[in-house]
């Protein structure tokens, strides 16, 4: 996992009572969620570094870092608080490269790229779902 690894995931399910905001950095981060009337507020520390490395490894293995994604200019400032522009988004910095994926982007992808994008969302959602148990 690159030292500059950063992952931000935002999800707002709309009618389903689930909102998520995950911010991970190389060895720390936060996860805030609201599901069916219950709030979750989890802090990641250096103790969670292996978990974060495993998440990075799964994204790498599914081909996420090979997707043809354009970085949204608003997301390039590392100090900026990322504003969700879609119902489900993943923003990653790794190895000085920026990757921004919105659920809305999948419709415009070819079949193989769309499958990788969907898998990336599944991987992150599995990670966050485990935190709400």
C-alpha atoms as a PDB file:
ATOM      1  CA  UNK A   1       0.000   0.000   0.000  1.00  0.00           C
ATOM      2  CA  UNK A   2       1.466   3.375  -0.966  1.00  0.00           C
ATOM      3  CA  UNK A   3       2.301   5.742   1.901  1.00  0.00           C
ATOM      4  CA  UNK A   4      -0.040   8.360   0.413  1.00  0.00           C
ATOM      5  CA  UNK A   5      -3.046   5.984   0.341  1.00  0.00           C
ATOM      6  CA  UNK A   6      -6.303   7.798   1.002  1.00  0.00           C
ATOM      7  CA  UNK A   7      -9.819   6.489   0.464  1.00  0.00           C
ATOM      8  CA  UNK A   8     -13.076   8.358   0.860  1.00  0.00           C
ATOM      9  CA  UNK A   9     -16.405   6.651   0.376  1.00  0.00           C
ATOM     10  CA  UNK A  10     -19.789   8.319   0.617  1.00  0.00           C
ATOM     11  CA  UNK A  11     -23.167   6.720   0.277  1.00  0.00           C
ATOM     12  CA  UNK A  12     -26.681   8.009   0.710  1.00  0.00           C
ATOM     13  CA  UNK A  13     -29.278   5.350   0.075  1.00  0.00           C
ATOM     14  CA  UNK A  14     -32.200   7.767  -0.134  1.00  0.00           C
ATOM     15  CA  UNK A  15     -35.363   5.852   0.776  1.00  0.00           C
ATOM     16  CA  UNK A  16     -33.385   3.157   2.594  1.00  0.00           C
ATOM     17  CA  UNK A  17     -32.241   4.425   5.969  1.00  0.00           C
ATOM     18  CA  UNK A  18     -28.495   4.270   5.350  1.00  0.00           C
ATOM     19  CA  UNK A  19     -25.930   7.040   5.033  1.00  0.00           C
ATOM     20  CA  UNK A  20     -22.187   6.405   5.155  1.00  0.00           C
ATOM     21  CA  UNK A  21     -19.049   8.537   5.231  1.00  0.00           C
ATOM     22  CA  UNK A  22     -15.720   6.677   5.327  1.00  0.00           C
ATOM     23  CA  UNK A  23     -12.365   8.473   5.340  1.00  0.00           C
ATOM     24  CA  UNK A  24      -9.243   6.329   5.511  1.00  0.00           C
ATOM     25  CA  UNK A  25      -5.620   7.313   5.341  1.00  0.00           C
ATOM     26  CA  UNK A  26      -2.554   5.054   5.470  1.00  0.00           C
ATOM     27  CA  UNK A  27      -3.070   4.088   9.099  1.00  0.00           C
ATOM     28  CA  UNK A  28      -6.046   6.003  10.438  1.00  0.00           C
ATOM     29  CA  UNK A  29      -9.426   7.471   9.580  1.00  0.00           C
ATOM     30  CA  UNK A  30     -13.087   7.736  10.509  1.00  0.00           C
ATOM     31  CA  UNK A  31     -16.322   6.035   9.614  1.00  0.00           C
ATOM     32  CA  UNK A  32     -19.670   7.652  10.310  1.00  0.00           C
ATOM     33  CA  UNK A  33     -22.933   6.042   9.390  1.00  0.00           C
ATOM     34  CA  UNK A  34     -26.624   6.164  10.117  1.00  0.00           C
ATOM     35  CA  UNK A  35     -28.622   2.984   9.597  1.00  0.00           C
ATOM     36  CA  UNK A  36     -32.241   2.401  10.631  1.00  0.00           C
ATOM     37  CA  UNK A  37     -32.173   4.992  13.412  1.00  0.00           C
ATOM     38  CA  UNK A  38     -28.752   4.026  14.761  1.00  0.00           C
ATOM     39  CA  UNK A  39     -25.605   6.168  14.532  1.00  0.00           C
ATOM     40  CA  UNK A  40     -22.142   4.690  14.100  1.00  0.00           C
ATOM     41  CA  UNK A  41     -18.971   6.703  14.744  1.00  0.00           C
ATOM     42  CA  UNK A  42     -15.761   4.691  14.450  1.00  0.00           C
ATOM     43  CA  UNK A  43     -12.197   5.943  14.569  1.00  0.00           C
ATOM     44  CA  UNK A  44      -9.384   4.039  12.888  1.00  0.00           C
ATOM     45  CA  UNK A  45      -5.898   4.208  14.377  1.00  0.00           C
ATOM     46  CA  UNK A  46      -2.554   2.615  13.642  1.00  0.00           C
ATOM     47  CA  UNK A  47      -4.038  -0.562  15.162  1.00  0.00           C
ATOM     48  CA  UNK A  48      -6.276  -0.779  12.072  1.00  0.00           C
ATOM     49  CA  UNK A  49      -3.432  -0.453   9.558  1.00  0.00           C
ATOM     50  CA  UNK A  50      -3.592  -4.137   8.556  1.00  0.00           C
ATOM     51  CA  UNK A  51      -7.345  -3.834   7.897  1.00  0.00           C
ATOM     52  CA  UNK A  52      -6.739  -0.775   5.729  1.00  0.00           C
ATOM     53  CA  UNK A  53      -3.927  -2.556   3.882  1.00  0.00           C
ATOM     54  CA  UNK A  54      -6.244  -5.512   3.226  1.00  0.00           C
ATOM     55  CA  UNK A  55      -8.898  -3.169   1.808  1.00  0.00           C
ATOM     56  CA  UNK A  56      -6.274  -1.625  -0.484  1.00  0.00           C
ATOM     57  CA  UNK A  57      -5.151  -5.119  -1.517  1.00  0.00           C
ATOM     58  CA  UNK A  58      -8.694  -6.189  -2.391  1.00  0.00           C
ATOM     59  CA  UNK A  59      -9.228  -3.057  -4.489  1.00  0.00           C
ATOM     60  CA  UNK A  60      -5.949  -3.695  -6.251  1.00  0.00           C
ATOM     61  CA  UNK A  61      -6.787  -7.369  -6.859  1.00  0.00           C
ATOM     62  CA  UNK A  62     -10.170  -6.560  -8.402  1.00  0.00           C
ATOM     63  CA  UNK A  63      -8.538  -4.168 -10.880  1.00  0.00           C
ATOM     64  CA  UNK A  64      -9.749  -0.857  -9.419  1.00  0.00           C
ATOM     65  CA  UNK A  65      -6.408   0.870 -10.046  1.00  0.00           C
ATOM     66  CA  UNK A  66      -6.598  -0.122 -13.707  1.00  0.00           C
ATOM     67  CA  UNK A  67      -9.909   1.658 -14.291  1.00  0.00           C
ATOM     68  CA  UNK A  68      -9.886   4.609 -16.665  1.00  0.00           C
ATOM     69  CA  UNK A  69     -11.113   7.238 -14.230  1.00  0.00           C
ATOM     70  CA  UNK A  70     -10.798  10.990 -14.373  1.00  0.00           C
ATOM     71  CA  UNK A  71     -10.115  12.865 -11.166  1.00  0.00           C
ATOM     72  CA  UNK A  72     -12.698  15.500 -10.424  1.00  0.00           C
ATOM     73  CA  UNK A  73     -10.714  18.723  -9.892  1.00  0.00           C
ATOM     74  CA  UNK A  74     -12.648  19.467  -6.705  1.00  0.00           C
ATOM     75  CA  UNK A  75     -11.220  16.301  -5.212  1.00  0.00           C
ATOM     76  CA  UNK A  76      -7.534  17.021  -5.793  1.00  0.00           C
ATOM     77  CA  UNK A  77      -6.962  19.213  -2.710  1.00  0.00           C
ATOM     78  CA  UNK A  78      -5.880  16.827   0.090  1.00  0.00           C
ATOM     79  CA  UNK A  79      -7.158  19.257   2.744  1.00  0.00           C
ATOM     80  CA  UNK A  80     -10.572  19.749   1.175  1.00  0.00           C
ATOM     81  CA  UNK A  81     -13.643  18.195   2.721  1.00  0.00           C
ATOM     82  CA  UNK A  82     -15.016  16.122  -0.142  1.00  0.00           C
ATOM     83  CA  UNK A  83     -18.614  16.901  -1.056  1.00  0.00           C
ATOM     84  CA  UNK A  84     -20.611  14.001  -2.389  1.00  0.00           C
ATOM     85  CA  UNK A  85     -21.760  14.630  -5.947  1.00  0.00           C
ATOM     86  CA  UNK A  86     -23.652  11.365  -6.282  1.00  0.00           C
ATOM     87  CA  UNK A  87     -25.466   8.778  -4.258  1.00  0.00           C
ATOM     88  CA  UNK A  88     -22.397   6.539  -4.049  1.00  0.00           C
ATOM     89  CA  UNK A  89     -18.802   7.644  -4.591  1.00  0.00           C
ATOM     90  CA  UNK A  90     -15.271   6.387  -4.027  1.00  0.00           C
ATOM     91  CA  UNK A  91     -12.294   8.716  -4.120  1.00  0.00           C
ATOM     92  CA  UNK A  92      -8.804   7.210  -3.787  1.00  0.00           C
ATOM     93  CA  UNK A  93      -5.288   8.594  -3.813  1.00  0.00           C
ATOM     94  CA  UNK A  94      -2.598   5.946  -4.223  1.00  0.00           C
ATOM     95  CA  UNK A  95       0.908   6.271  -5.569  1.00  0.00           C
ATOM     96  CA  UNK A  96       0.336   9.974  -6.356  1.00  0.00           C
ATOM     97  CA  UNK A  97      -2.568   9.063  -8.656  1.00  0.00           C
ATOM     98  CA  UNK A  98      -6.157  10.125  -8.070  1.00  0.00           C
ATOM     99  CA  UNK A  99      -9.172   7.916  -8.750  1.00  0.00           C
ATOM    100  CA  UNK A 100     -12.746   9.181  -8.523  1.00  0.00           C
ATOM    101  CA  UNK A 101     -15.664   6.849  -9.154  1.00  0.00           C
ATOM    102  CA  UNK A 102     -19.315   7.749  -8.928  1.00  0.00           C
ATOM    103  CA  UNK A 103     -22.030   5.144  -9.229  1.00  0.00           C
ATOM    104  CA  UNK A 104     -23.379   7.281 -12.087  1.00  0.00           C
ATOM    105  CA  UNK A 105     -20.156   6.666 -14.068  1.00  0.00           C
ATOM    106  CA  UNK A 106     -20.815   2.929 -14.382  1.00  0.00           C
ATOM    107  CA  UNK A 107     -23.517   3.346 -17.053  1.00  0.00           C
ATOM    108  CA  UNK A 108     -20.967   4.905 -19.432  1.00  0.00           C
ATOM    109  CA  UNK A 109     -18.325   2.194 -18.990  1.00  0.00           C
ATOM    110  CA  UNK A 110     -17.734  -0.844 -21.134  1.00  0.00           C
ATOM    111  CA  UNK A 111     -18.814  -4.194 -19.682  1.00  0.00           C
ATOM    112  CA  UNK A 112     -15.415  -5.141 -18.203  1.00  0.00           C
ATOM    113  CA  UNK A 113     -14.756  -1.731 -16.628  1.00  0.00           C
ATOM    114  CA  UNK A 114     -18.298  -1.638 -15.213  1.00  0.00           C
ATOM    115  CA  UNK A 115     -17.791  -5.062 -13.616  1.00  0.00           C
ATOM    116  CA  UNK A 116     -14.596  -3.847 -11.913  1.00  0.00           C
ATOM    117  CA  UNK A 117     -16.302  -0.654 -10.734  1.00  0.00           C
ATOM    118  CA  UNK A 118     -19.217  -2.604  -9.272  1.00  0.00           C
ATOM    119  CA  UNK A 119     -16.795  -4.981  -7.539  1.00  0.00           C
ATOM    120  CA  UNK A 120     -14.914  -2.019  -6.039  1.00  0.00           C
ATOM    121  CA  UNK A 121     -18.153  -0.690  -4.542  1.00  0.00           C
ATOM    122  CA  UNK A 122     -18.953  -4.174  -3.195  1.00  0.00           C
ATOM    123  CA  UNK A 123     -15.524  -4.425  -1.535  1.00  0.00           C
ATOM    124  CA  UNK A 124     -15.885  -1.067   0.211  1.00  0.00           C
ATOM    125  CA  UNK A 125     -19.480  -1.823   1.214  1.00  0.00           C
ATOM    126  CA  UNK A 126     -18.408  -5.158   2.740  1.00  0.00           C
ATOM    127  CA  UNK A 127     -15.740  -3.279   4.717  1.00  0.00           C
ATOM    128  CA  UNK A 128     -18.230  -0.708   6.051  1.00  0.00           C
ATOM    129  CA  UNK A 129     -20.994  -3.242   6.707  1.00  0.00           C
ATOM    130  CA  UNK A 130     -18.652  -5.148   9.018  1.00  0.00           C
ATOM    131  CA  UNK A 131     -18.213  -1.947  11.036  1.00  0.00           C
ATOM    132  CA  UNK A 132     -21.970  -1.631  11.638  1.00  0.00           C
ATOM    133  CA  UNK A 133     -22.292  -5.000  13.390  1.00  0.00           C
END
